[in-house]
């Protein structure tokens, strides 16, 4: 097992058995993502793509965001979800290839509560769960559990918490047994059909009046007073 530096002390990376493992390590902030962490995951995707000895990239949940790099990476990206999977964490999972979740995982799309635009969730969520369900989840910002996520087609597999690590290793072992060039070609074929995220949505609304109020309300733990007109 060899350690991999990803440029953030909130990401723990290592290579073991032809898998680049990346663990998000910011428990005190409920694993909320920072720009530095996003850059580190982008770096992991680039490293995995360039290393012919690797079979997979495993994640434990603007140009800085790594989402398109995860989809363009020729290696299989496995999202291992064992806790809260909100906002950027959910985006990471949506742009992964395989997801394995503990039955303790919780999901939410809270961006509208913050007045924050997210073109990555709008470009990917409906492909997994359908338009009606996607709109419900986005516009209500309602939290839902792992079994609900599986029932709606959002995650690949849900297992009891006590078998979570075993299930992740099983998925990785199954991937290792497949042909690396063929799986890369099949991933490329599936992903080339995906729509591009409208990054201009993010740019247009970034730090606009609603986002300033929404983030202020979040930090102050109060209900937002949305600007009108």
Protein backbone atom coordinates (compact mmCIF):
# COMPACT_ATOMS: atom_id res chain seq x y z
CA UNK A 1 0.00 0.00 0.00
CA UNK A 2 1.43 3.38 -1.01
CA UNK A 3 0.27 6.81 0.12
CA UNK A 4 -0.85 9.39 -2.45
CA UNK A 5 -0.66 13.11 -1.74
CA UNK A 6 -3.65 14.97 -3.18
CA UNK A 7 -2.91 18.49 -1.98
CA UNK A 8 -5.40 18.54 0.88
CA UNK A 9 -5.12 17.22 4.43
CA UNK A 10 -8.89 16.59 4.26
CA UNK A 11 -8.41 13.87 1.64
CA UNK A 12 -6.65 10.61 2.50
CA UNK A 13 -5.31 8.82 -0.56
CA UNK A 14 -3.51 5.54 -1.06
CA UNK A 15 -3.05 2.85 -3.72
CA UNK A 16 -3.76 -0.75 -2.80
CA UNK A 17 -4.39 -3.75 -5.06
CA UNK A 18 -4.59 -1.61 -8.22
CA UNK A 19 -7.15 0.78 -6.71
CA UNK A 20 -6.61 4.44 -5.88
CA UNK A 21 -8.62 5.00 -2.69
CA UNK A 22 -9.66 8.52 -1.72
CA UNK A 23 -11.36 9.05 1.64
CA UNK A 24 -13.03 12.34 2.49
CA UNK A 25 -11.87 13.19 6.02
CA UNK A 26 -13.77 16.23 7.26
CA UNK A 27 -16.13 14.67 9.78
CA UNK A 28 -16.34 17.79 11.98
CA UNK A 29 -17.97 19.62 9.05
CA UNK A 30 -20.06 16.62 7.97
CA UNK A 31 -17.60 16.06 5.09
CA UNK A 32 -18.65 19.29 3.36
CA UNK A 33 -16.45 19.86 0.31
CA UNK A 34 -14.03 22.76 -0.09
CA UNK A 35 -12.41 24.02 -3.31
CA UNK A 36 -9.13 22.49 -2.15
CA UNK A 37 -10.85 19.12 -1.70
CA UNK A 38 -12.47 19.34 -5.14
CA UNK A 39 -9.05 20.07 -6.65
CA UNK A 40 -7.64 17.06 -4.82
CA UNK A 41 -10.29 14.74 -6.24
CA UNK A 42 -9.68 16.20 -9.70
CA UNK A 43 -5.99 15.38 -9.19
CA UNK A 44 -6.91 11.84 -8.17
CA UNK A 45 -8.95 11.36 -11.36
CA UNK A 46 -6.05 12.59 -13.49
CA UNK A 47 -3.57 10.34 -11.65
CA UNK A 48 -5.81 7.28 -11.98
CA UNK A 49 -6.38 7.93 -15.68
CA UNK A 50 -2.64 8.13 -16.36
CA UNK A 51 -1.65 4.97 -14.47
CA UNK A 52 -2.10 1.79 -16.58
CA UNK A 53 -1.67 -0.37 -13.48
CA UNK A 54 -4.86 0.96 -11.87
CA UNK A 55 -8.27 -0.59 -12.40
CA UNK A 56 -10.45 1.76 -10.38
CA UNK A 57 -10.75 4.99 -8.41
CA UNK A 58 -12.74 4.67 -5.19
CA UNK A 59 -14.23 7.72 -3.50
CA UNK A 60 -15.49 7.63 0.09
CA UNK A 61 -17.87 10.45 -0.11
CA UNK A 62 -16.06 26.02 -12.59
CA UNK A 63 -12.76 24.45 -13.75
CA UNK A 64 -12.00 23.66 -10.12
CA UNK A 65 -14.79 21.08 -9.91
CA UNK A 66 -13.76 17.50 -10.72
CA UNK A 67 -17.06 16.11 -12.01
CA UNK A 68 -16.27 15.95 -15.73
CA UNK A 69 -12.85 14.48 -14.91
CA UNK A 70 -14.50 11.59 -13.09
CA UNK A 71 -16.61 10.83 -16.16
CA UNK A 72 -13.72 11.24 -18.59
CA UNK A 73 -11.35 9.11 -16.50
CA UNK A 74 -10.90 5.75 -18.24
CA UNK A 75 -10.86 3.97 -14.90
CA UNK A 76 -14.05 2.93 -13.09
CA UNK A 77 -14.97 5.42 -10.36
CA UNK A 78 -16.58 3.75 -7.35
CA UNK A 79 -18.46 5.92 -4.84
CA UNK A 80 -18.56 4.37 -1.36
CA UNK A 81 -21.20 6.25 0.64
CA UNK A 82 -21.30 5.75 4.38
CA UNK A 83 -23.10 8.72 5.94
CA UNK A 84 -24.40 12.08 4.72
CA UNK A 85 -24.34 12.53 0.95
CA UNK A 86 -25.58 16.06 0.32
CA UNK A 87 -24.84 18.74 -2.30
CA UNK A 88 -21.28 18.30 -3.66
CA UNK A 89 -21.06 14.80 -2.23
CA UNK A 90 -24.15 13.83 -4.19
CA UNK A 91 -22.66 15.40 -7.32
CA UNK A 92 -19.56 13.24 -6.88
CA UNK A 93 -21.73 10.15 -6.66
CA UNK A 94 -23.81 11.16 -9.70
CA UNK A 95 -20.63 11.43 -11.77
CA UNK A 96 -19.22 8.10 -10.54
CA UNK A 97 -19.70 4.79 -12.35
CA UNK A 98 -20.55 2.45 -9.48
CA UNK A 99 -22.03 3.29 -6.08
CA UNK A 100 -22.15 1.17 -2.94
CA UNK A 101 -23.99 2.60 0.06
CA UNK A 102 -24.40 1.74 3.71
CA UNK A 103 -28.01 1.58 4.84
CA UNK A 104 -27.10 4.48 7.15
CA UNK A 105 -26.44 6.83 4.20
CA UNK A 106 -28.63 9.93 3.89
CA UNK A 107 -29.13 11.99 0.75
CA UNK A 108 -30.28 15.54 0.09
CA UNK A 109 -30.15 18.26 -2.56
CA UNK A 110 -30.08 21.43 -0.42
CA UNK A 111 -28.86 23.97 -2.99
CA UNK A 112 -32.14 25.89 -3.27
CA UNK A 113 -32.13 26.41 0.50
CA UNK A 114 -28.85 28.29 0.00
CA UNK A 115 -29.79 30.10 -3.21
CA UNK A 116 -26.89 28.25 -4.83
CA UNK A 117 -27.09 27.07 -8.48
CA UNK A 118 -25.98 23.52 -9.28
CA UNK A 119 -25.83 22.71 -13.02
CA UNK A 120 -24.22 19.34 -12.30
CA UNK A 121 -27.22 17.96 -10.42
CA UNK A 122 -29.67 19.31 -13.01
CA UNK A 123 -27.71 17.64 -15.81
CA UNK A 124 -27.46 14.22 -14.14
CA UNK A 125 -30.20 13.58 -11.55
CA UNK A 126 -33.16 13.06 -13.90
CA UNK A 127 -31.13 10.51 -15.89
CA UNK A 128 -31.05 8.32 -12.77
CA UNK A 129 -34.43 8.91 -11.13
CA UNK A 130 -36.68 10.40 -13.84
CA UNK A 131 -37.80 13.98 -14.33
CA UNK A 132 -40.75 13.98 -11.92
CA UNK A 133 -38.71 12.53 -9.05
CA UNK A 134 -35.74 14.78 -9.81
CA UNK A 135 -37.90 17.90 -9.65
CA UNK A 136 -39.44 16.73 -6.39
CA UNK A 137 -36.03 16.18 -4.78
CA UNK A 138 -34.58 19.46 -6.06
CA UNK A 139 -37.55 21.72 -5.31
CA UNK A 140 -38.39 20.29 -1.86
CA UNK A 141 -34.77 19.75 -0.68
CA UNK A 142 -36.18 16.79 1.27
CA UNK A 143 -33.74 14.33 2.86
CA UNK A 144 -34.14 10.66 1.92
CA UNK A 145 -32.50 7.43 2.99
CA UNK A 146 -30.41 4.82 1.19
CA UNK A 147 -33.27 2.42 0.50
CA UNK A 148 -35.33 5.22 -1.06
CA UNK A 149 -32.27 6.15 -3.13
CA UNK A 150 -31.96 2.56 -4.36
CA UNK A 151 -35.68 2.25 -5.13
CA UNK A 152 -35.58 5.35 -7.32
CA UNK A 153 -32.43 4.20 -9.17
CA UNK A 154 -30.04 6.74 -7.70
CA UNK A 155 -27.54 4.26 -6.21
CA UNK A 156 -26.26 0.92 -7.42
CA UNK A 157 -26.31 -1.13 -4.22
CA UNK A 158 -27.31 -0.72 -0.57
CA UNK A 159 -25.95 -3.05 2.10
CA UNK A 160 -26.27 -3.31 5.90
CA UNK A 161 -23.83 -0.99 7.63
CA UNK A 162 -21.88 -3.85 9.20
CA UNK A 163 -21.17 -5.29 5.73
CA UNK A 164 -20.35 -1.98 4.03
CA UNK A 165 -16.56 -2.29 3.73
CA UNK A 166 -16.88 -5.92 2.63
CA UNK A 167 -19.36 -4.91 -0.09
CA UNK A 168 -17.09 -2.15 -1.38
CA UNK A 169 -14.15 -4.55 -1.60
CA UNK A 170 -16.37 -7.11 -3.36
CA UNK A 171 -17.36 -4.53 -5.98
CA UNK A 172 -13.72 -3.54 -6.52
CA UNK A 173 -12.67 -7.17 -6.80
CA UNK A 174 -15.36 -7.79 -9.43
CA UNK A 175 -14.13 -4.77 -11.41
CA UNK A 176 -10.52 -6.02 -11.26
CA UNK A 177 -11.59 -9.23 -13.04
CA UNK A 178 -12.95 -7.41 -16.09
CA UNK A 179 -11.00 -6.44 -19.19
CA UNK A 180 -9.47 -2.97 -18.61
CA UNK A 181 -9.55 -1.78 -22.23
CA UNK A 182 -13.05 -3.09 -22.90
CA UNK A 183 -14.55 -1.57 -19.76
CA UNK A 184 -12.87 1.75 -20.56
CA UNK A 185 -14.39 1.69 -24.04
CA UNK A 186 -17.83 0.81 -22.68
CA UNK A 187 -17.64 3.61 -20.10
CA UNK A 188 -16.65 6.03 -22.85
CA UNK A 189 -19.54 4.85 -25.04
CA UNK A 190 -22.12 5.30 -22.28
CA UNK A 191 -20.77 8.63 -21.06
CA UNK A 192 -20.49 10.27 -24.47
CA UNK A 193 -24.29 10.26 -24.58
CA UNK A 194 -24.54 12.36 -21.40
CA UNK A 195 -25.56 16.03 -21.69
CA UNK A 196 -23.08 18.73 -20.76
CA UNK A 197 -23.68 20.73 -17.58
CA UNK A 198 -24.61 24.36 -18.21
CA UNK A 199 -21.73 26.02 -16.35
CA UNK A 200 -23.15 29.43 -17.27
CA UNK A 201 -26.00 28.77 -14.84
CA UNK A 202 -23.42 28.63 -12.06
CA UNK A 203 -21.58 31.70 -13.31
CA UNK A 204 -24.74 33.80 -13.74
CA UNK A 205 -26.02 33.23 -10.21
CA UNK A 206 -22.77 32.88 -8.27
CA UNK A 207 -22.74 35.39 -5.40
CA UNK A 208 -26.02 36.91 -6.56
CA UNK A 209 -28.54 38.34 -4.06
CA UNK A 210 -30.22 34.99 -3.39
CA UNK A 211 -26.98 33.14 -2.83
CA UNK A 212 -25.70 35.84 -0.48
CA UNK A 213 -28.91 35.69 1.54
CA UNK A 214 -29.16 31.90 1.43
CA UNK A 215 -25.60 31.31 2.57
CA UNK A 216 -25.92 34.01 5.23
CA UNK A 217 -29.06 32.36 6.58
CA UNK A 218 -27.33 28.98 6.58
CA UNK A 219 -24.33 30.28 8.52
CA UNK A 220 -26.57 32.17 10.96
CA UNK A 221 -28.91 29.15 11.34
CA UNK A 222 -32.07 31.05 10.42
CA UNK A 223 -34.73 31.02 7.72
CA UNK A 224 -33.71 33.01 4.61
CA UNK A 225 -35.52 36.24 3.76
CA UNK A 226 -35.42 35.97 -0.01
CA UNK A 227 -35.14 39.22 -1.99
CA UNK A 228 -38.18 39.86 -4.20
CA UNK A 229 -38.44 41.81 -7.41
